[in-house]
Structure formats: C-alpha cells, structure tokens
Amino acid sequence: MKKSFLFSVLIIIAASISKANTYDWSDLEVEKKYISGQDFRLTSEVAWQAGDSFHLKSVYGLGVGSLIVFDFEALICTTPDLKTDVELVTPPKIPGDHRDRRVIVELDYDCLVRFYVEAADYYSPSIFKNALQHFNLH
C-alpha cells in the first residue's frame, strides 16, 4: 500500500515537471505568441527548431468534434509560397501514459502552420511554450 502510494506521487510529480515546460493544447490562446519547445520537420526544406516563434491565429473544431485545429503563423518562414503534405509530430510524453498522442501538422500558404489535435488529446501537452519564458521575461 505504501509503495503504491509513493509510486503514484512520483508519477504525479514527474507529470507536473514534464508539463511545466509546455502548455497543454487547451491552454493556448488565440492572438498570443508562443515558441516551439522542440524541433519538428515537415519536409527536407521545411523545419523549425525549439525556440522558433509562432502566433496562434485561430482554434476551431473540424468534423463532428473529433479534431481540433490550431492555426499558427510561423514568424520565421522562408517559404511563404509553399504548401506541404501532412506529417506527424510527437508532443512531449506524459509519464506513465502509453497513448499515441501524435498530432497532424501541415504548412499552408503564407506560413500558416496547421496542427490537427484529436479531441481526446486537447488536455495533453502541446509542443508550445510561453514566448516570455524563452526570453526570461517573467
């Protein structure tokens, strides 16, 4: 009993530390700026690094509520005339959670980076951090 309680506490602490670095998808607000907490690549020509800036333009549901779409403007974009196919990106893992929480990502014209998140993953970690934390401007 004592061991299982301690194990539960450790999992909760580890999850809190892991999530402290990034926002959950549900925490992201339209018209705010965020930075990527990890590298991600859509093609050999289109990639972003941890620390690159994004501006959240809109959030909306798609279909019958199974997907939530996050439209970001990439503030660093050298290919505004390019549109890519979709790719899968894996956000940070939640300790003890074995669910596949990858999100679908695509680049649309004018540097619009679109993330498709399953509704079941709406309260799980995104790949985004507060832009102010990046610059230590608390």
Foldseek 3Di string as FASTA:
>chain_A
DVVVVVVVVVLVVQQCVQQVFFAFLLPDDAQAKWFFQAKDAQDPVDIDGGLFMKHFHDWDADDPQFKIKTKIAGPDDPCLPDKGDKDWDAADDRPPDPDGFIWIWIADHRRIIMTIGTNVRRGPGDRIDHNCVSVVND
